[in-house]
Amino acid sequence: MARPGLPPDSADGAQSVRRALAVLRLVATGQDRGVRLTDVARMCGLPLPTVHRLLKVLMEETAVEQDASTRRYRIGHEITLLGLARPAGLALRTVAEPALTALAAEVGDTVFLSVRHGSDSVCIGRFLGSHTIQVLSIDVGARRPLGASVSGVALLTGVEAAEAAAVTQGNAVRLQVLGRSVRQVLSAVAAAQRLGHAYAPVGVMPGTSAVAVPIRDAGGRVVGAISIATLAERLGRDRLRTVVAAMQSHVDRITARLMDIDRSRAGAHPAKKGRIGEEALKKAGPPKRA
């Protein structure tokens, strides 16, 4: 049975495109390490032969490549080159960069910036701190099902309960692969909504902990999340409060910047006053490389 969100078997061209994109997104989760064919098929809920045919076509178009030694699939050069055609597509990074650079310097630990894309959390920025040991738990471009990490939990705090449940249920198989259940994720989201932050005493890497805070625009909509990963001993109860306070302070700076952009945009286009979203963010210009 197909995973929720994927169309049933059909010769329809649009459905084939949707399936190919679903496969591409799953391949992207493997980053440089790549993903096995069986894992892609399991996570997307399509028959193994169907996934294999899709991957074969994607390889012919250089959208996917296969490691000759491991047989794992990873994103190909065509996708990388296509992304260069839209350098201003991640403008939130430009808005947030000064605050997150300052935050990393203040706390000394690595700060990550993530956004929601469909059912996934995608890391679009990483800012190093000054502490001797930096926890580089994920790379820029890392894609995970929402709820698999503190960033994904923080992003889910901004949606209605019914939507959060539907998205998490749709990610159930992928979450299971990562050792998470739907119940665990929804419980973490509820706790994060109460506390204002998501906390994981056991992070992605052994011996680490992580915490995340949502970024909201002037209208209160969650547009991203910042997270900090560090050694578990550096994120105990007392320091956790200090770190969260620092994160919230810098998030407030980002929100204020978004408000400035919105006011500027509203002044130039009075009829659109109060409309806050990606169009406002795009006015910030293209992102800089880390």
C-alpha atoms as a PDB file:
ATOM      1  CA  MET A   1       0.000   0.000   0.000  1.00  0.00           C
ATOM      2  CA  ALA A   2       1.317   3.439  -0.907  1.00  0.00           C
ATOM      3  CA  ARG A   3       2.317   5.862   1.808  1.00  0.00           C
ATOM      4  CA  PRO A   4      -0.233   8.668   2.428  1.00  0.00           C
ATOM      5  CA  GLY A   5       0.437  11.574   0.079  1.00  0.00           C
ATOM      6  CA  LEU A   6       1.629   9.465  -2.845  1.00  0.00           C
ATOM      7  CA  PRO A   7      -0.769   8.833  -5.756  1.00  0.00           C
ATOM      8  CA  PRO A   8      -1.871   5.283  -6.624  1.00  0.00           C
ATOM      9  CA  ASP A   9      -0.420   3.433  -9.615  1.00  0.00           C
ATOM     10  CA  SER A  10      -1.381   5.175 -12.827  1.00  0.00           C
ATOM     11  CA  ALA A  11       0.016   5.988 -16.237  1.00  0.00           C
ATOM     12  CA  ASP A  12      -0.918   9.629 -15.715  1.00  0.00           C
ATOM     13  CA  GLY A  13       2.064  11.896 -16.382  1.00  0.00           C
ATOM     14  CA  ALA A  14       1.428  14.210 -13.455  1.00  0.00           C
ATOM     15  CA  GLN A  15       1.459  11.299 -11.024  1.00  0.00           C
ATOM     16  CA  SER A  16       4.736  10.057 -12.489  1.00  0.00           C
ATOM     17  CA  VAL A  17       6.255  13.491 -11.892  1.00  0.00           C
ATOM     18  CA  ARG A  18       5.006  13.504  -8.296  1.00  0.00           C
ATOM     19  CA  ARG A  19       6.493  10.069  -7.706  1.00  0.00           C
ATOM     20  CA  ALA A  20       9.819  11.090  -9.203  1.00  0.00           C
ATOM     21  CA  LEU A  21       9.942  14.151  -6.944  1.00  0.00           C
ATOM     22  CA  ALA A  22       9.016  12.050  -3.907  1.00  0.00           C
ATOM     23  CA  VAL A  23      11.887   9.694  -4.717  1.00  0.00           C
ATOM     24  CA  LEU A  24      14.270  12.636  -5.215  1.00  0.00           C
ATOM     25  CA  ARG A  25      13.367  14.044  -1.799  1.00  0.00           C
ATOM     26  CA  LEU A  26      14.075  10.706  -0.152  1.00  0.00           C
ATOM     27  CA  VAL A  27      17.378  10.338  -2.003  1.00  0.00           C
ATOM     28  CA  ALA A  28      18.300  13.822  -0.762  1.00  0.00           C
ATOM     29  CA  THR A  29      18.008  12.657   2.861  1.00  0.00           C
ATOM     30  CA  GLY A  30      21.099  10.506   2.333  1.00  0.00           C
ATOM     31  CA  GLN A  31      23.235  13.500   1.313  1.00  0.00           C
ATOM     32  CA  ASP A  32      26.780  12.365   0.358  1.00  0.00           C
ATOM     33  CA  ARG A  33      26.376   8.962   2.014  1.00  0.00           C
ATOM     34  CA  GLY A  34      23.442   8.070  -0.189  1.00  0.00           C
ATOM     35  CA  VAL A  35      20.356   5.889   0.291  1.00  0.00           C
ATOM     36  CA  ARG A  36      19.725   2.242  -0.508  1.00  0.00           C
ATOM     37  CA  LEU A  37      17.106   1.258  -3.057  1.00  0.00           C
ATOM     38  CA  THR A  38      15.245  -0.820  -0.479  1.00  0.00           C
ATOM     39  CA  ASP A  39      15.104   2.119   1.933  1.00  0.00           C
ATOM     40  CA  VAL A  40      13.712   4.464  -0.717  1.00  0.00           C
ATOM     41  CA  ALA A  41      11.023   1.937  -1.631  1.00  0.00           C
ATOM     42  CA  ARG A  42      10.156   1.324   2.003  1.00  0.00           C
ATOM     43  CA  MET A  43       9.868   4.997   2.877  1.00  0.00           C
ATOM     44  CA  CYS A  44       7.805   6.047  -0.143  1.00  0.00           C
ATOM     45  CA  GLY A  45       5.590   2.948  -0.111  1.00  0.00           C
ATOM     46  CA  LEU A  46       6.002   2.168  -3.815  1.00  0.00           C
ATOM     47  CA  PRO A  47       6.887  -1.273  -5.241  1.00  0.00           C
ATOM     48  CA  LEU A  48      10.627  -1.914  -5.538  1.00  0.00           C
ATOM     49  CA  PRO A  49      10.506  -2.327  -9.372  1.00  0.00           C
ATOM     50  CA  THR A  50       8.688   1.013  -9.710  1.00  0.00           C
ATOM     51  CA  VAL A  51      11.268   2.824  -7.588  1.00  0.00           C
ATOM     52  CA  HIS A  52      14.088   1.161  -9.503  1.00  0.00           C
ATOM     53  CA  ARG A  53      12.621   2.330 -12.831  1.00  0.00           C
ATOM     54  CA  LEU A  54      12.242   5.879 -11.532  1.00  0.00           C
ATOM     55  CA  LEU A  55      15.815   5.924 -10.265  1.00  0.00           C
ATOM     56  CA  LYS A  56      17.080   4.593 -13.576  1.00  0.00           C
ATOM     57  CA  VAL A  57      15.409   7.471 -15.466  1.00  0.00           C
ATOM     58  CA  LEU A  58      16.650  10.011 -12.923  1.00  0.00           C
ATOM     59  CA  MET A  59      20.173   8.656 -13.344  1.00  0.00           C
ATOM     60  CA  GLU A  60      19.901   8.991 -17.117  1.00  0.00           C
ATOM     61  CA  GLU A  61      19.023  12.648 -16.559  1.00  0.00           C
ATOM     62  CA  THR A  62      21.921  13.013 -14.031  1.00  0.00           C
ATOM     63  CA  ALA A  63      19.407  14.072 -11.375  1.00  0.00           C
ATOM     64  CA  VAL A  64      20.544  11.048  -9.355  1.00  0.00           C
ATOM     65  CA  GLU A  65      23.833   9.178  -9.271  1.00  0.00           C
ATOM     66  CA  GLN A  66      24.813   5.810  -7.823  1.00  0.00           C
ATOM     67  CA  ASP A  67      27.968   5.052  -5.892  1.00  0.00           C
ATOM     68  CA  ALA A  68      29.718   2.238  -7.719  1.00  0.00           C
ATOM     69  CA  SER A  69      31.055   0.641  -4.545  1.00  0.00           C
ATOM     70  CA  THR A  70      28.116   0.975  -2.112  1.00  0.00           C
ATOM     71  CA  ARG A  71      25.319   0.952  -4.731  1.00  0.00           C
ATOM     72  CA  ARG A  72      23.671   3.764  -2.794  1.00  0.00           C
ATOM     73  CA  TYR A  73      21.868   6.574  -4.585  1.00  0.00           C
ATOM     74  CA  ARG A  74      22.483  10.276  -4.033  1.00  0.00           C
ATOM     75  CA  ILE A  75      21.496  13.578  -5.606  1.00  0.00           C
ATOM     76  CA  GLY A  76      23.210  14.212  -8.944  1.00  0.00           C
ATOM     77  CA  HIS A  77      24.785  17.250 -10.550  1.00  0.00           C
ATOM     78  CA  GLU A  78      21.667  18.246 -12.479  1.00  0.00           C
ATOM     79  CA  ILE A  79      19.795  19.065  -9.275  1.00  0.00           C
ATOM     80  CA  THR A  80      22.741  21.056  -7.940  1.00  0.00           C
ATOM     81  CA  LEU A  81      22.949  23.066 -11.153  1.00  0.00           C
ATOM     82  CA  LEU A  82      19.201  23.699 -11.213  1.00  0.00           C
ATOM     83  CA  GLY A  83      19.434  25.146  -7.708  1.00  0.00           C
ATOM     84  CA  LEU A  84      21.938  27.749  -8.925  1.00  0.00           C
ATOM     85  CA  ALA A  85      19.207  29.267 -11.075  1.00  0.00           C
ATOM     86  CA  ARG A  86      17.443  30.509  -7.920  1.00  0.00           C
ATOM     87  CA  PRO A  87      20.137  31.992  -5.627  1.00  0.00           C
ATOM     88  CA  ALA A  88      17.589  34.140  -3.763  1.00  0.00           C
ATOM     89  CA  GLY A  89      15.320  31.249  -2.897  1.00  0.00           C
ATOM     90  CA  LEU A  90      16.455  31.036   0.757  1.00  0.00           C
ATOM     91  CA  ALA A  91      16.144  34.675   1.778  1.00  0.00           C
ATOM     92  CA  LEU A  92      15.289  33.835   5.410  1.00  0.00           C
ATOM     93  CA  ARG A  93      18.939  32.892   5.808  1.00  0.00           C
ATOM     94  CA  THR A  94      19.968  36.420   4.787  1.00  0.00           C
ATOM     95  CA  VAL A  95      17.586  37.958   7.311  1.00  0.00           C
ATOM     96  CA  ALA A  96      18.663  35.616  10.114  1.00  0.00           C
ATOM     97  CA  GLU A  97      22.406  35.428   9.466  1.00  0.00           C
ATOM     98  CA  PRO A  98      23.552  38.423  11.580  1.00  0.00           C
ATOM     99  CA  ALA A  99      21.530  37.302  14.596  1.00  0.00           C
ATOM    100  CA  LEU A 100      22.588  33.659  14.326  1.00  0.00           C
ATOM    101  CA  THR A 101      26.251  34.544  13.854  1.00  0.00           C
ATOM    102  CA  ALA A 102      26.010  36.623  17.025  1.00  0.00           C
ATOM    103  CA  LEU A 103      24.186  33.829  18.847  1.00  0.00           C
ATOM    104  CA  ALA A 104      26.878  31.272  17.950  1.00  0.00           C
ATOM    105  CA  ALA A 105      29.537  33.665  19.247  1.00  0.00           C
ATOM    106  CA  GLU A 106      27.578  34.283  22.461  1.00  0.00           C
ATOM    107  CA  VAL A 107      26.882  30.650  23.419  1.00  0.00           C
ATOM    108  CA  GLY A 108      30.001  29.143  21.798  1.00  0.00           C
ATOM    109  CA  ASP A 109      28.084  26.262  20.202  1.00  0.00           C
ATOM    110  CA  THR A 110      26.928  25.479  16.670  1.00  0.00           C
ATOM    111  CA  VAL A 111      23.654  27.098  15.615  1.00  0.00           C
ATOM    112  CA  PHE A 112      21.477  25.653  12.849  1.00  0.00           C
ATOM    113  CA  LEU A 113      18.729  27.317  10.815  1.00  0.00           C
ATOM    114  CA  SER A 114      15.964  25.117   9.413  1.00  0.00           C
ATOM    115  CA  VAL A 115      12.750  25.611   7.472  1.00  0.00           C
ATOM    116  CA  ARG A 116       9.768  23.462   6.687  1.00  0.00           C
ATOM    117  CA  HIS A 117       9.396  22.116   3.180  1.00  0.00           C
ATOM    118  CA  GLY A 118       6.293  19.984   2.839  1.00  0.00           C
ATOM    119  CA  SER A 119       6.631  17.126   5.322  1.00  0.00           C
ATOM    120  CA  ASP A 120      10.330  17.741   5.901  1.00  0.00           C
ATOM    121  CA  SER A 121      12.649  19.930   7.907  1.00  0.00           C
ATOM    122  CA  VAL A 122      15.586  21.215   5.839  1.00  0.00           C
ATOM    123  CA  CYS A 123      18.744  22.791   7.265  1.00  0.00           C
ATOM    124  CA  ILE A 124      19.572  25.973   5.312  1.00  0.00           C
ATOM    125  CA  GLY A 125      22.292  27.411   7.531  1.00  0.00           C
ATOM    126  CA  ARG A 126      24.963  26.394  10.039  1.00  0.00           C
ATOM    127  CA  PHE A 127      26.951  28.849  12.157  1.00  0.00           C
ATOM    128  CA  LEU A 128      29.947  27.698  14.183  1.00  0.00           C
ATOM    129  CA  GLY A 129      30.671  28.771  17.749  1.00  0.00           C
ATOM    130  CA  SER A 130      33.981  29.210  19.548  1.00  0.00           C
ATOM    131  CA  HIS A 131      33.954  26.230  21.907  1.00  0.00           C
ATOM    132  CA  THR A 132      36.768  23.734  21.369  1.00  0.00           C
ATOM    133  CA  ILE A 133      34.342  20.944  20.479  1.00  0.00           C
ATOM    134  CA  GLN A 134      31.662  21.764  17.909  1.00  0.00           C
ATOM    135  CA  VAL A 135      28.824  19.298  17.348  1.00  0.00           C
ATOM    136  CA  LEU A 136      28.220  19.251  13.591  1.00  0.00           C
ATOM    137  CA  SER A 137      25.240  16.921  13.781  1.00  0.00           C
ATOM    138  CA  ILE A 138      23.827  17.845  10.366  1.00  0.00           C
ATOM    139  CA  ASP A 139      25.051  19.576   7.231  1.00  0.00           C
ATOM    140  CA  VAL A 140      23.452  22.394   5.302  1.00  0.00           C
ATOM    141  CA  GLY A 141      20.952  20.763   2.969  1.00  0.00           C
ATOM    142  CA  ALA A 142      20.159  17.922   5.376  1.00  0.00           C
ATOM    143  CA  ARG A 143      16.522  16.885   5.039  1.00  0.00           C
ATOM    144  CA  ARG A 144      14.600  14.991   7.704  1.00  0.00           C
ATOM    145  CA  PRO A 145      10.945  14.155   8.296  1.00  0.00           C
ATOM    146  CA  LEU A 146       9.312  16.742  10.523  1.00  0.00           C
ATOM    147  CA  GLY A 147       9.553  15.631  14.132  1.00  0.00           C
ATOM    148  CA  ALA A 148      12.711  13.570  13.714  1.00  0.00           C
ATOM    149  CA  SER A 149      14.771  16.338  15.337  1.00  0.00           C
ATOM    150  CA  VAL A 150      14.220  19.284  17.661  1.00  0.00           C
ATOM    151  CA  SER A 151      14.075  21.614  14.660  1.00  0.00           C
ATOM    152  CA  GLY A 152      11.267  19.597  13.123  1.00  0.00           C
ATOM    153  CA  VAL A 153       9.400  19.578  16.435  1.00  0.00           C
ATOM    154  CA  ALA A 154       9.760  23.361  16.724  1.00  0.00           C
ATOM    155  CA  LEU A 155       8.462  23.797  13.176  1.00  0.00           C
ATOM    156  CA  LEU A 156       5.417  21.664  13.968  1.00  0.00           C
ATOM    157  CA  THR A 157       4.472  23.904  16.897  1.00  0.00           C
ATOM    158  CA  GLY A 158       3.206  26.429  14.382  1.00  0.00           C
ATOM    159  CA  VAL A 159       0.517  24.277  12.769  1.00  0.00           C
ATOM    160  CA  GLU A 160      -2.920  23.172  13.914  1.00  0.00           C
ATOM    161  CA  ALA A 161      -3.084  19.924  15.882  1.00  0.00           C
ATOM    162  CA  ALA A 162      -4.937  18.131  13.094  1.00  0.00           C
ATOM    163  CA  GLU A 163      -2.324  19.095  10.516  1.00  0.00           C
ATOM    164  CA  ALA A 164       0.545  18.145  12.820  1.00  0.00           C
ATOM    165  CA  ALA A 165      -1.048  14.740  13.372  1.00  0.00           C
ATOM    166  CA  ALA A 166      -1.634  14.220   9.643  1.00  0.00           C
ATOM    167  CA  VAL A 167       1.919  15.212   8.684  1.00  0.00           C
ATOM    168  CA  THR A 168       3.435  13.051  11.406  1.00  0.00           C
ATOM    169  CA  GLN A 169       1.281  10.067  10.474  1.00  0.00           C
ATOM    170  CA  GLY A 170       2.299  10.529   6.849  1.00  0.00           C
ATOM    171  CA  ASN A 171       5.938  10.384   7.982  1.00  0.00           C
ATOM    172  CA  ALA A 172       5.374   7.340  10.203  1.00  0.00           C
ATOM    173  CA  VAL A 173       7.501   4.916   8.184  1.00  0.00           C
ATOM    174  CA  ARG A 174      10.382   7.341   7.792  1.00  0.00           C
ATOM    175  CA  LEU A 175      10.235   8.253  11.477  1.00  0.00           C
ATOM    176  CA  GLN A 176      10.278   4.578  12.399  1.00  0.00           C
ATOM    177  CA  VAL A 177      13.482   4.121  10.388  1.00  0.00           C
ATOM    178  CA  LEU A 178      15.004   6.866  12.565  1.00  0.00           C
ATOM    179  CA  GLY A 179      13.736   5.307  15.790  1.00  0.00           C
ATOM    180  CA  ARG A 180      10.838   7.698  16.395  1.00  0.00           C
ATOM    181  CA  SER A 181       7.133   6.989  16.724  1.00  0.00           C
ATOM    182  CA  VAL A 182       4.163   9.199  15.857  1.00  0.00           C
ATOM    183  CA  ARG A 183       3.173   9.295  19.526  1.00  0.00           C
ATOM    184  CA  GLN A 184       6.653  10.425  20.606  1.00  0.00           C
ATOM    185  CA  VAL A 185       6.711  13.221  18.048  1.00  0.00           C
ATOM    186  CA  LEU A 186       3.249  14.569  18.892  1.00  0.00           C
ATOM    187  CA  SER A 187       4.071  14.425  22.597  1.00  0.00           C
ATOM    188  CA  ALA A 188       7.275  16.398  21.943  1.00  0.00           C
ATOM    189  CA  VAL A 189       5.330  18.976  19.905  1.00  0.00           C
ATOM    190  CA  ALA A 190       2.801  19.441  22.724  1.00  0.00           C
ATOM    191  CA  ALA A 191       5.623  19.907  25.241  1.00  0.00           C
ATOM    192  CA  ALA A 192       7.378  22.408  22.957  1.00  0.00           C
ATOM    193  CA  GLN A 193       4.176  24.420  22.590  1.00  0.00           C
ATOM    194  CA  ARG A 194       3.905  24.654  26.381  1.00  0.00           C
ATOM    195  CA  LEU A 195       7.555  25.538  26.961  1.00  0.00           C
ATOM    196  CA  GLY A 196       8.241  27.653  23.906  1.00  0.00           C
ATOM    197  CA  HIS A 197      11.151  25.442  22.869  1.00  0.00           C
ATOM    198  CA  ALA A 198      11.909  21.833  21.924  1.00  0.00           C
ATOM    199  CA  TYR A 199      14.567  19.984  23.917  1.00  0.00           C
ATOM    200  CA  ALA A 200      16.226  16.623  23.330  1.00  0.00           C
ATOM    201  CA  PRO A 201      18.525  15.445  26.144  1.00  0.00           C
ATOM    202  CA  VAL A 202      19.837  12.818  23.716  1.00  0.00           C
ATOM    203  CA  GLY A 203      20.729  14.395  20.396  1.00  0.00           C
ATOM    204  CA  VAL A 204      21.355  13.018  16.920  1.00  0.00           C
ATOM    205  CA  MET A 205      24.935  12.100  17.893  1.00  0.00           C
ATOM    206  CA  PRO A 206      25.770  10.064  21.037  1.00  0.00           C
ATOM    207  CA  GLY A 207      26.735  12.177  24.027  1.00  0.00           C
ATOM    208  CA  THR A 208      25.024  15.313  22.718  1.00  0.00           C
ATOM    209  CA  SER A 209      21.883  17.296  23.457  1.00  0.00           C
ATOM    210  CA  ALA A 210      19.912  19.761  21.350  1.00  0.00           C
ATOM    211  CA  VAL A 211      17.373  22.529  21.758  1.00  0.00           C
ATOM    212  CA  ALA A 212      15.306  24.467  19.203  1.00  0.00           C
ATOM    213  CA  VAL A 213      13.151  27.603  19.157  1.00  0.00           C
ATOM    214  CA  PRO A 214      10.671  28.531  16.408  1.00  0.00           C
ATOM    215  CA  ILE A 215      11.043  31.727  14.382  1.00  0.00           C
ATOM    216  CA  ARG A 216       7.810  33.627  13.845  1.00  0.00           C
ATOM    217  CA  ASP A 217       7.042  36.449  11.471  1.00  0.00           C
ATOM    218  CA  ALA A 218       5.178  39.587  12.512  1.00  0.00           C
ATOM    219  CA  GLY A 219       1.862  37.790  12.015  1.00  0.00           C
ATOM    220  CA  GLY A 220       2.838  34.969  14.374  1.00  0.00           C
ATOM    221  CA  ARG A 221       3.362  32.390  11.624  1.00  0.00           C
ATOM    222  CA  VAL A 222       6.269  29.973  12.168  1.00  0.00           C
ATOM    223  CA  VAL A 223       8.646  30.527   9.237  1.00  0.00           C
ATOM    224  CA  GLY A 224      11.676  28.632  10.526  1.00  0.00           C
ATOM    225  CA  ALA A 225      13.490  27.297  13.562  1.00  0.00           C
ATOM    226  CA  ILE A 226      16.913  27.733  15.103  1.00  0.00           C
ATOM    227  CA  SER A 227      18.573  24.936  17.013  1.00  0.00           C
ATOM    228  CA  ILE A 228      21.742  24.394  18.984  1.00  0.00           C
ATOM    229  CA  ALA A 229      23.527  21.061  19.294  1.00  0.00           C
ATOM    230  CA  THR A 230      26.296  20.619  21.823  1.00  0.00           C
ATOM    231  CA  LEU A 231      27.848  18.159  24.257  1.00  0.00           C
ATOM    232  CA  ALA A 232      25.244  16.902  26.722  1.00  0.00           C
ATOM    233  CA  GLU A 233      27.296  18.224  29.625  1.00  0.00           C
ATOM    234  CA  ARG A 234      26.992  21.738  28.172  1.00  0.00           C
ATOM    235  CA  LEU A 235      23.206  21.668  28.061  1.00  0.00           C
ATOM    236  CA  GLY A 236      22.248  20.746  31.592  1.00  0.00           C
ATOM    237  CA  ARG A 237      19.240  22.270  33.340  1.00  0.00           C
ATOM    238  CA  ASP A 238      20.894  25.510  34.488  1.00  0.00           C
ATOM    239  CA  ARG A 239      22.672  26.323  31.224  1.00  0.00           C
ATOM    240  CA  LEU A 240      19.641  25.241  29.200  1.00  0.00           C
ATOM    241  CA  ARG A 241      17.669  28.169  30.618  1.00  0.00           C
ATOM    242  CA  THR A 242      20.473  30.575  29.727  1.00  0.00           C
ATOM    243  CA  VAL A 243      20.848  29.187  26.203  1.00  0.00           C
ATOM    244  CA  VAL A 244      17.095  29.256  25.523  1.00  0.00           C
ATOM    245  CA  ALA A 245      16.916  32.873  26.730  1.00  0.00           C
ATOM    246  CA  ALA A 246      19.752  33.811  24.368  1.00  0.00           C
ATOM    247  CA  MET A 247      18.091  31.974  21.481  1.00  0.00           C
ATOM    248  CA  GLN A 248      14.776  33.708  22.097  1.00  0.00           C
ATOM    249  CA  SER A 249      16.482  37.099  22.261  1.00  0.00           C
ATOM    250  CA  HIS A 250      18.073  36.601  18.850  1.00  0.00           C
ATOM    251  CA  VAL A 251      14.870  35.145  17.414  1.00  0.00           C
ATOM    252  CA  ASP A 252      13.149  38.362  18.506  1.00  0.00           C
ATOM    253  CA  ARG A 253      15.750  40.270  16.478  1.00  0.00           C
ATOM    254  CA  ILE A 254      14.915  38.171  13.427  1.00  0.00           C
ATOM    255  CA  THR A 255      11.181  38.758  13.907  1.00  0.00           C
ATOM    256  CA  ALA A 256      11.810  42.496  14.253  1.00  0.00           C
ATOM    257  CA  ARG A 257      13.756  42.444  10.987  1.00  0.00           C
ATOM    258  CA  LEU A 258      10.879  40.636   9.283  1.00  0.00           C
ATOM    259  CA  MET A 259       8.526  43.322  10.614  1.00  0.00           C
ATOM    260  CA  ASP A 260      10.783  46.032   9.176  1.00  0.00           C
ATOM    261  CA  ILE A 261      10.734  44.306   5.796  1.00  0.00           C
ATOM    262  CA  ASP A 262       6.966  43.983   5.953  1.00  0.00           C
ATOM    263  CA  ARG A 263       6.494  47.649   6.876  1.00  0.00           C
ATOM    264  CA  SER A 264       8.785  48.699   4.066  1.00  0.00           C
ATOM    265  CA  ARG A 265       6.900  46.517   1.643  1.00  0.00           C
ATOM    266  CA  ALA A 266       3.530  47.769   2.908  1.00  0.00           C
ATOM    267  CA  GLY A 267       4.679  51.364   2.415  1.00  0.00           C
ATOM    268  CA  ALA A 268       5.624  50.635  -1.181  1.00  0.00           C
ATOM    269  CA  HIS A 269       2.408  48.680  -1.798  1.00  0.00           C
ATOM    270  CA  PRO A 270      -0.348  50.024   0.547  1.00  0.00           C
ATOM    271  CA  ALA A 271      -2.935  47.624  -0.862  1.00  0.00           C
ATOM    272  CA  LYS A 272      -0.879  44.705   0.386  1.00  0.00           C
ATOM    273  CA  LYS A 273      -0.302  46.029   3.903  1.00  0.00           C
ATOM    274  CA  GLY A 274      -0.244  43.326   6.558  1.00  0.00           C
ATOM    275  CA  ARG A 275       0.432  40.468   4.190  1.00  0.00           C
ATOM    276  CA  ILE A 276       3.456  38.731   5.607  1.00  0.00           C
ATOM    277  CA  GLY A 277       5.204  35.755   4.069  1.00  0.00           C
ATOM    278  CA  GLU A 278       7.740  34.582   1.573  1.00  0.00           C
ATOM    279  CA  GLU A 279       7.230  37.596  -0.697  1.00  0.00           C
ATOM    280  CA  ALA A 280       8.419  39.846   2.116  1.00  0.00           C
ATOM    281  CA  LEU A 281      11.399  37.632   2.803  1.00  0.00           C
ATOM    282  CA  LYS A 282      12.468  37.722  -0.832  1.00  0.00           C
ATOM    283  CA  LYS A 283      13.000  41.478  -0.559  1.00  0.00           C
ATOM    284  CA  ALA A 284      15.992  40.737   1.666  1.00  0.00           C
ATOM    285  CA  GLY A 285      18.032  39.588  -1.318  1.00  0.00           C
ATOM    286  CA  PRO A 286      20.154  36.486  -2.011  1.00  0.00           C
ATOM    287  CA  PRO A 287      21.798  34.539   0.850  1.00  0.00           C
ATOM    288  CA  LYS A 288      25.505  34.543   1.482  1.00  0.00           C
ATOM    289  CA  ARG A 289      27.494  31.342   1.678  1.00  0.00           C
ATOM    290  CA  ALA A 290      28.558  30.165   5.139  1.00  0.00           C
END
